[in-house]
C-alpha cells in the first residue's frame, strides 16, 4: 500500500495519482480479507483482528476521501 501511494505521488497529474490511490485502496481491502481469514483460522485473536481491521478501515476511508477530492477538483496537473 505505502509504495503505491509514494509511486502515485510521483506521477505528473492528479488523475494518474488517483489510479495509484485506487490500487492502494484495493490493497487495503485485500488485507482486510486476509485478516478475516487469519481470524477464522485462529492465527490472530479477535482483539488483534478488531484493532488491525479498524486501522485498515480508517486508512481505506482516508484514501477514498482523497480520491473523491482529486476527482472533484479534476486538476490536470499539480502545478
PDB file of N, CA and C in Angstrom:
ATOM      1  N   UNK A   1       0.827  -1.186   0.000  1.00  0.00           N
ATOM      2  CA  UNK A   1       0.000   0.000   0.000  1.00  0.00           C
ATOM      3  C   UNK A   1       0.874   1.252   0.000  1.00  0.00           C
ATOM      4  N   UNK A   2       1.801   1.364   0.938  1.00  0.00           N
ATOM      5  CA  UNK A   2       2.648   2.549   1.036  1.00  0.00           C
ATOM      6  C   UNK A   2       3.416   2.846  -0.239  1.00  0.00           C
ATOM      7  N   UNK A   3       4.068   1.817  -0.822  1.00  0.00           N
ATOM      8  CA  UNK A   3       4.790   2.079  -2.068  1.00  0.00           C
ATOM      9  C   UNK A   3       3.878   2.554  -3.197  1.00  0.00           C
ATOM     10  N   UNK A   4       2.639   2.083  -3.232  1.00  0.00           N
ATOM     11  CA  UNK A   4       1.709   2.540  -4.262  1.00  0.00           C
ATOM     12  C   UNK A   4       1.399   4.021  -4.105  1.00  0.00           C
ATOM     13  N   UNK A   5       1.215   4.453  -2.874  1.00  0.00           N
ATOM     14  CA  UNK A   5       0.926   5.869  -2.624  1.00  0.00           C
ATOM     15  C   UNK A   5       2.134   6.711  -3.012  1.00  0.00           C
ATOM     16  N   UNK A   6       3.325   6.265  -2.605  1.00  0.00           N
ATOM     17  CA  UNK A   6       4.544   7.007  -2.935  1.00  0.00           C
ATOM     18  C   UNK A   6       4.758   7.063  -4.444  1.00  0.00           C
ATOM     19  N   UNK A   7       4.556   5.941  -5.109  1.00  0.00           N
ATOM     20  CA  UNK A   7       4.721   5.910  -6.563  1.00  0.00           C
ATOM     21  C   UNK A   7       3.682   6.791  -7.238  1.00  0.00           C
ATOM     22  N   UNK A   8       2.468   6.764  -6.756  1.00  0.00           N
ATOM     23  CA  UNK A   8       1.412   7.591  -7.325  1.00  0.00           C
ATOM     24  C   UNK A   8       1.691   9.064  -7.150  1.00  0.00           C
ATOM     25  N   UNK A   9       2.243   9.426  -5.997  1.00  0.00           N
ATOM     26  CA  UNK A   9       2.526  10.834  -5.743  1.00  0.00           C
ATOM     27  C   UNK A   9       3.616  11.355  -6.675  1.00  0.00           C
ATOM     28  N   UNK A  10       4.417  10.444  -7.191  1.00  0.00           N
ATOM     29  CA  UNK A  10       5.454  10.829  -8.132  1.00  0.00           C
ATOM     30  C   UNK A  10       4.956  11.023  -9.545  1.00  0.00           C
ATOM     31  N   UNK A  11       3.678  10.749  -9.797  1.00  0.00           N
ATOM     32  CA  UNK A  11       3.119  10.921 -11.134  1.00  0.00           C
ATOM     33  C   UNK A  11       2.933  12.401 -11.440  1.00  0.00           C
ATOM     34  N   UNK A  12       2.809  12.702 -12.715  1.00  0.00           N
ATOM     35  CA  UNK A  12       2.755  14.098 -13.140  1.00  0.00           C
ATOM     36  C   UNK A  12       1.381  14.740 -12.987  1.00  0.00           C
ATOM     37  N   UNK A  13       0.331  13.938 -12.960  1.00  0.00           N
ATOM     38  CA  UNK A  13      -1.009  14.512 -12.861  1.00  0.00           C
ATOM     39  C   UNK A  13      -1.776  13.871 -11.714  1.00  0.00           C
ATOM     40  N   UNK A  14      -2.767  14.589 -11.223  1.00  0.00           N
ATOM     41  CA  UNK A  14      -3.617  14.047 -10.169  1.00  0.00           C
ATOM     42  C   UNK A  14      -4.447  12.874 -10.673  1.00  0.00           C
ATOM     43  N   UNK A  15      -4.796  12.892 -11.947  1.00  0.00           N
ATOM     44  CA  UNK A  15      -5.546  11.757 -12.499  1.00  0.00           C
ATOM     45  C   UNK A  15      -4.735  10.473 -12.391  1.00  0.00           C
ATOM     46  N   UNK A  16      -3.429  10.577 -12.664  1.00  0.00           N
ATOM     47  CA  UNK A  16      -2.577   9.399 -12.527  1.00  0.00           C
ATOM     48  C   UNK A  16      -2.425   9.008 -11.059  1.00  0.00           C
ATOM     49  N   UNK A  17      -2.325  10.000 -10.186  1.00  0.00           N
ATOM     50  CA  UNK A  17      -2.243   9.729  -8.757  1.00  0.00           C
ATOM     51  C   UNK A  17      -3.469   8.948  -8.289  1.00  0.00           C
ATOM     52  N   UNK A  18      -4.644   9.315  -8.773  1.00  0.00           N
ATOM     53  CA  UNK A  18      -5.885   8.636  -8.384  1.00  0.00           C
ATOM     54  C   UNK A  18      -5.823   7.150  -8.717  1.00  0.00           C
ATOM     55  N   UNK A  19      -5.227   6.795  -9.842  1.00  0.00           N
ATOM     56  CA  UNK A  19      -5.105   5.380 -10.217  1.00  0.00           C
ATOM     57  C   UNK A  19      -4.320   4.624  -9.149  1.00  0.00           C
ATOM     58  N   UNK A  20      -3.213   5.196  -8.708  1.00  0.00           N
ATOM     59  CA  UNK A  20      -2.399   4.537  -7.688  1.00  0.00           C
ATOM     60  C   UNK A  20      -3.095   4.505  -6.336  1.00  0.00           C
ATOM     61  N   UNK A  21      -3.812   5.563  -6.006  1.00  0.00           N
ATOM     62  CA  UNK A  21      -4.564   5.566  -4.747  1.00  0.00           C
ATOM     63  C   UNK A  21      -5.649   4.502  -4.770  1.00  0.00           C
ATOM     64  N   UNK A  22      -6.268   4.305  -5.927  1.00  0.00           N
ATOM     65  CA  UNK A  22      -7.270   3.246  -6.065  1.00  0.00           C
ATOM     66  C   UNK A  22      -6.663   1.872  -5.862  1.00  0.00           C
ATOM     67  N   UNK A  23      -5.462   1.680  -6.376  1.00  0.00           N
ATOM     68  CA  UNK A  23      -4.770   0.401  -6.176  1.00  0.00           C
ATOM     69  C   UNK A  23      -4.421   0.213  -4.700  1.00  0.00           C
ATOM     70  N   UNK A  24      -4.001   1.280  -4.054  1.00  0.00           N
ATOM     71  CA  UNK A  24      -3.690   1.205  -2.621  1.00  0.00           C
ATOM     72  C   UNK A  24      -4.946   0.850  -1.830  1.00  0.00           C
ATOM     73  N   UNK A  25      -6.077   1.445  -2.212  1.00  0.00           N
ATOM     74  CA  UNK A  25      -7.339   1.130  -1.526  1.00  0.00           C
ATOM     75  C   UNK A  25      -7.707  -0.335  -1.756  1.00  0.00           C
ATOM     76  N   UNK A  26      -7.448  -0.837  -2.946  1.00  0.00           N
ATOM     77  CA  UNK A  26      -7.689  -2.255  -3.211  1.00  0.00           C
ATOM     78  C   UNK A  26      -6.817  -3.143  -2.334  1.00  0.00           C
ATOM     79  N   UNK A  27      -5.571  -2.725  -2.120  1.00  0.00           N
ATOM     80  CA  UNK A  27      -4.676  -3.475  -1.238  1.00  0.00           C
ATOM     81  C   UNK A  27      -5.186  -3.475   0.196  1.00  0.00           C
ATOM     82  N   UNK A  28      -5.762  -2.362   0.610  1.00  0.00           N
ATOM     83  CA  UNK A  28      -6.351  -2.281   1.950  1.00  0.00           C
ATOM     84  C   UNK A  28      -7.474  -3.311   2.081  1.00  0.00           C
ATOM     85  N   UNK A  29      -8.354  -3.344   1.100  1.00  0.00           N
ATOM     86  CA  UNK A  29      -9.473  -4.290   1.154  1.00  0.00           C
ATOM     87  C   UNK A  29      -8.986  -5.734   1.105  1.00  0.00           C
ATOM     88  N   UNK A  30      -7.956  -5.982   0.317  1.00  0.00           N
ATOM     89  CA  UNK A  30      -7.387  -7.323   0.252  1.00  0.00           C
ATOM     90  C   UNK A  30      -6.795  -7.722   1.597  1.00  0.00           C
ATOM     91  N   UNK A  31      -6.096  -6.810   2.240  1.00  0.00           N
ATOM     92  CA  UNK A  31      -5.501  -7.087   3.540  1.00  0.00           C
ATOM     93  C   UNK A  31      -6.570  -7.372   4.590  1.00  0.00           C
ATOM     94  N   UNK A  32      -7.649  -6.605   4.565  1.00  0.00           N
ATOM     95  CA  UNK A  32      -8.757  -6.856   5.494  1.00  0.00           C
ATOM     96  C   UNK A  32      -9.309  -8.265   5.276  1.00  0.00           C
ATOM     97  N   UNK A  33      -9.424  -8.680   4.024  1.00  0.00           N
ATOM     98  CA  UNK A  33      -9.887 -10.039   3.724  1.00  0.00           C
ATOM     99  C   UNK A  33      -8.935 -11.099   4.253  1.00  0.00           C
ATOM    100  N   UNK A  34      -7.636 -10.865   4.105  1.00  0.00           N
ATOM    101  CA  UNK A  34      -6.649 -11.814   4.632  1.00  0.00           C
ATOM    102  C   UNK A  34      -6.715 -11.883   6.153  1.00  0.00           C
ATOM    103  N   UNK A  35      -6.937 -10.731   6.784  1.00  0.00           N
ATOM    104  CA  UNK A  35      -7.046 -10.729   8.246  1.00  0.00           C
ATOM    105  C   UNK A  35      -8.284 -11.493   8.700  1.00  0.00           C
ATOM    106  N   UNK A  36      -9.369 -11.373   7.933  1.00  0.00           N
ATOM    107  CA  UNK A  36     -10.586 -12.116   8.276  1.00  0.00           C
ATOM    108  C   UNK A  36     -10.314 -13.628   8.204  1.00  0.00           C
ATOM    109  N   UNK A  37      -9.584 -14.018   7.161  1.00  0.00           N
ATOM    110  CA  UNK A  37      -9.247 -15.437   7.021  1.00  0.00           C
ATOM    111  C   UNK A  37      -8.319 -15.876   8.151  1.00  0.00           C
ATOM    112  N   UNK A  38      -7.354 -15.030   8.513  1.00  0.00           N
ATOM    113  CA  UNK A  38      -6.453 -15.355   9.625  1.00  0.00           C
ATOM    114  C   UNK A  38      -7.223 -15.512  10.930  1.00  0.00           C
ATOM    115  N   UNK A  39      -8.235 -14.682  11.113  1.00  0.00           N
ATOM    116  CA  UNK A  39      -9.081 -14.800  12.304  1.00  0.00           C
ATOM    117  C   UNK A  39      -9.840 -16.116  12.276  1.00  0.00           C
ATOM    118  N   UNK A  40     -10.431 -16.448  11.148  1.00  0.00           N
ATOM    119  CA  UNK A  40     -11.194 -17.695  11.029  1.00  0.00           C
ATOM    120  C   UNK A  40     -10.321 -18.930  11.250  1.00  0.00           C
ATOM    121  N   UNK A  41      -9.058 -18.838  10.849  1.00  0.00           N
ATOM    122  CA  UNK A  41      -8.126 -19.954  11.037  1.00  0.00           C
ATOM    123  C   UNK A  41      -7.431 -19.902  12.396  1.00  0.00           C
ATOM    124  N   UNK A  42      -7.796 -18.893  13.194  1.00  0.00           N
ATOM    125  CA  UNK A  42      -7.268 -18.696  14.546  1.00  0.00           C
ATOM    126  C   UNK A  42      -5.767 -18.403  14.575  1.00  0.00           C
ATOM    127  N   UNK A  43      -5.285 -17.724  13.531  1.00  0.00           N
ATOM    128  CA  UNK A  43      -3.894 -17.272  13.528  1.00  0.00           C
ATOM    129  C   UNK A  43      -3.751 -15.958  14.300  1.00  0.00           C
ATOM    130  N   UNK A  44      -4.847 -15.211  14.376  1.00  0.00           N
ATOM    131  CA  UNK A  44      -4.869 -13.978  15.170  1.00  0.00           C
ATOM    132  C   UNK A  44      -6.104 -14.005  16.061  1.00  0.00           C
ATOM    133  N   UNK A  45      -6.044 -13.250  17.137  1.00  0.00           N
ATOM    134  CA  UNK A  45      -7.174 -13.206  18.068  1.00  0.00           C
ATOM    135  C   UNK A  45      -8.226 -12.213  17.580  1.00  0.00           C
ATOM    136  N   UNK A  46      -9.375 -12.284  18.196  1.00  0.00           N
ATOM    137  CA  UNK A  46     -10.458 -11.363  17.862  1.00  0.00           C
ATOM    138  C   UNK A  46     -10.045  -9.922  18.138  1.00  0.00           C
ATOM    139  N   UNK A  47      -9.347  -9.707  19.240  1.00  0.00           N
ATOM    140  CA  UNK A  47      -8.929  -8.346  19.563  1.00  0.00           C
ATOM    141  C   UNK A  47      -7.882  -7.842  18.565  1.00  0.00           C
ATOM    142  N   UNK A  48      -6.956  -8.708  18.151  1.00  0.00           N
ATOM    143  CA  UNK A  48      -5.974  -8.306  17.136  1.00  0.00           C
ATOM    144  C   UNK A  48      -6.674  -7.956  15.830  1.00  0.00           C
ATOM    145  N   UNK A  49      -7.619  -8.793  15.450  1.00  0.00           N
ATOM    146  CA  UNK A  49      -8.360  -8.551  14.213  1.00  0.00           C
ATOM    147  C   UNK A  49      -9.121  -7.235  14.287  1.00  0.00           C
ATOM    148  N   UNK A  50      -9.785  -6.990  15.398  1.00  0.00           N
ATOM    149  CA  UNK A  50     -10.570  -5.761  15.552  1.00  0.00           C
ATOM    150  C   UNK A  50      -9.686  -4.529  15.455  1.00  0.00           C
ATOM    151  N   UNK A  51      -8.550  -4.574  16.144  1.00  0.00           N
ATOM    152  CA  UNK A  51      -7.649  -3.429  16.136  1.00  0.00           C
ATOM    153  C   UNK A  51      -7.077  -3.182  14.736  1.00  0.00           C
ATOM    154  N   UNK A  52      -6.564  -4.229  14.112  1.00  0.00           N
ATOM    155  CA  UNK A  52      -5.950  -4.076  12.794  1.00  0.00           C
ATOM    156  C   UNK A  52      -6.980  -3.735  11.722  1.00  0.00           C
ATOM    157  N   UNK A  53      -8.120  -4.414  11.754  1.00  0.00           N
ATOM    158  CA  UNK A  53      -9.161  -4.136  10.759  1.00  0.00           C
ATOM    159  C   UNK A  53      -9.664  -2.708  10.895  1.00  0.00           C
ATOM    160  N   UNK A  54      -9.750  -2.226  12.134  1.00  0.00           N
ATOM    161  CA  UNK A  54     -10.165  -0.838  12.357  1.00  0.00           C
ATOM    162  C   UNK A  54      -9.191   0.157  11.765  1.00  0.00           C
ATOM    163  N   UNK A  55      -7.896  -0.120  11.947  1.00  0.00           N
ATOM    164  CA  UNK A  55      -6.879   0.776  11.383  1.00  0.00           C
ATOM    165  C   UNK A  55      -6.920   0.752   9.850  1.00  0.00           C
ATOM    166  N   UNK A  56      -7.013  -0.440   9.287  1.00  0.00           N
ATOM    167  CA  UNK A  56      -7.056  -0.544   7.823  1.00  0.00           C
ATOM    168  C   UNK A  56      -8.334   0.065   7.264  1.00  0.00           C
ATOM    169  N   UNK A  57      -9.439  -0.092   7.969  1.00  0.00           N
ATOM    170  CA  UNK A  57     -10.683   0.532   7.528  1.00  0.00           C
ATOM    171  C   UNK A  57     -10.531   2.053   7.512  1.00  0.00           C
ATOM    172  N   UNK A  58      -9.894   2.595   8.537  1.00  0.00           N
ATOM    173  CA  UNK A  58      -9.662   4.039   8.619  1.00  0.00           C
ATOM    174  C   UNK A  58      -8.788   4.504   7.449  1.00  0.00           C
ATOM    175  N   UNK A  59      -7.732   3.766   7.166  1.00  0.00           N
ATOM    176  CA  UNK A  59      -6.861   4.105   6.034  1.00  0.00           C
ATOM    177  C   UNK A  59      -7.648   4.065   4.734  1.00  0.00           C
ATOM    178  N   UNK A  60      -8.473   3.039   4.560  1.00  0.00           N
ATOM    179  CA  UNK A  60      -9.287   2.934   3.348  1.00  0.00           C
ATOM    180  C   UNK A  60     -10.233   4.112   3.186  1.00  0.00           C
ATOM    181  N   UNK A  61     -10.822   4.550   4.285  1.00  0.00           N
ATOM    182  CA  UNK A  61     -11.725   5.706   4.234  1.00  0.00           C
ATOM    183  C   UNK A  61     -10.969   6.986   3.879  1.00  0.00           C
ATOM    184  N   UNK A  62      -9.764   7.133   4.426  1.00  0.00           N
ATOM    185  CA  UNK A  62      -8.957   8.307   4.091  1.00  0.00           C
ATOM    186  C   UNK A  62      -8.590   8.303   2.607  1.00  0.00           C
ATOM    187  N   UNK A  63      -8.223   7.133   2.093  1.00  0.00           N
ATOM    188  CA  UNK A  63      -7.899   7.033   0.664  1.00  0.00           C
ATOM    189  C   UNK A  63      -9.114   7.377  -0.193  1.00  0.00           C
ATOM    190  N   UNK A  64     -10.277   6.894   0.212  1.00  0.00           N
ATOM    191  CA  UNK A  64     -11.498   7.179  -0.534  1.00  0.00           C
ATOM    192  C   UNK A  64     -11.770   8.676  -0.562  1.00  0.00           C
ATOM    193  N   UNK A  65     -11.623   9.347   0.579  1.00  0.00           N
ATOM    194  CA  UNK A  65     -11.850  10.795   0.615  1.00  0.00           C
ATOM    195  C   UNK A  65     -10.842  11.538  -0.254  1.00  0.00           C
ATOM    196  N   UNK A  66      -9.595  11.095  -0.233  1.00  0.00           N
ATOM    197  CA  UNK A  66      -8.565  11.728  -1.057  1.00  0.00           C
ATOM    198  C   UNK A  66      -8.868  11.544  -2.538  1.00  0.00           C
ATOM    199  N   UNK A  67      -9.259  10.341  -2.906  1.00  0.00           N
ATOM    200  CA  UNK A  67      -9.629  10.052  -4.301  1.00  0.00           C
ATOM    201  C   UNK A  67     -10.808  10.926  -4.721  1.00  0.00           C
ATOM    202  N   UNK A  68     -11.841  10.981  -3.893  1.00  0.00           N
ATOM    203  CA  UNK A  68     -13.021  11.788  -4.223  1.00  0.00           C
ATOM    204  C   UNK A  68     -12.664  13.257  -4.380  1.00  0.00           C
ATOM    205  N   UNK A  69     -11.801  13.765  -3.502  1.00  0.00           N
ATOM    206  CA  UNK A  69     -11.368  15.154  -3.592  1.00  0.00           C
ATOM    207  C   UNK A  69     -10.661  15.415  -4.919  1.00  0.00           C
ATOM    208  N   UNK A  70      -9.725  14.557  -5.261  1.00  0.00           N
ATOM    209  CA  UNK A  70      -8.980  14.751  -6.510  1.00  0.00           C
ATOM    210  C   UNK A  70      -9.897  14.657  -7.725  1.00  0.00           C
ATOM    211  N   UNK A  71     -10.872  13.770  -7.671  1.00  0.00           N
ATOM    212  CA  UNK A  71     -11.801  13.649  -8.800  1.00  0.00           C
ATOM    213  C   UNK A  71     -12.702  14.871  -8.910  1.00  0.00           C
ATOM    214  N   UNK A  72     -13.112  15.440  -7.789  1.00  0.00           N
ATOM    215  CA  UNK A  72     -13.934  16.653  -7.824  1.00  0.00           C
ATOM    216  C   UNK A  72     -13.149  17.835  -8.380  1.00  0.00           C
ATOM    217  N   UNK A  73     -11.884  17.952  -7.965  1.00  0.00           N
ATOM    218  CA  UNK A  73     -11.049  19.068  -8.432  1.00  0.00           C
ATOM    219  C   UNK A  73     -10.740  18.946  -9.910  1.00  0.00           C
ATOM    220  N   UNK A  74     -10.527  17.720 -10.365  1.00  0.00           N
ATOM    221  CA  UNK A  74     -10.246  17.423 -11.768  1.00  0.00           C
ATOM    222  C   UNK A  74      -9.085  18.274 -12.299  1.00  0.00           C
ATOM    223  N   UNK A  75      -8.057  18.440 -11.471  1.00  0.00           N
ATOM    224  CA  UNK A  75      -6.880  19.169 -11.921  1.00  0.00           C
ATOM    225  C   UNK A  75      -6.087  18.322 -12.893  1.00  0.00           C
ATOM    226  N   UNK A  76      -5.600  18.935 -13.926  1.00  0.00           N
ATOM    227  CA  UNK A  76      -4.815  18.207 -14.915  1.00  0.00           C
ATOM    228  C   UNK A  76      -3.363  18.058 -14.456  1.00  0.00           C
ATOM    229  N   UNK A  77      -2.863  19.049 -13.721  1.00  0.00           N
ATOM    230  CA  UNK A  77      -1.507  18.978 -13.193  1.00  0.00           C
ATOM    231  C   UNK A  77      -1.511  19.508 -11.765  1.00  0.00           C
ATOM    232  N   UNK A  78      -0.440  19.260 -11.071  1.00  0.00           N
ATOM    233  CA  UNK A  78      -0.332  19.735  -9.694  1.00  0.00           C
ATOM    234  C   UNK A  78       0.254  21.139  -9.635  1.00  0.00           C
ATOM    235  N   UNK A  79       0.813  21.639 -10.739  1.00  0.00           N
ATOM    236  CA  UNK A  79       1.361  22.987 -10.885  1.00  0.00           C
ATOM    237  C   UNK A  79       1.842  23.609  -9.706  1.00  0.00           C
TER     238      UNK A  79
END
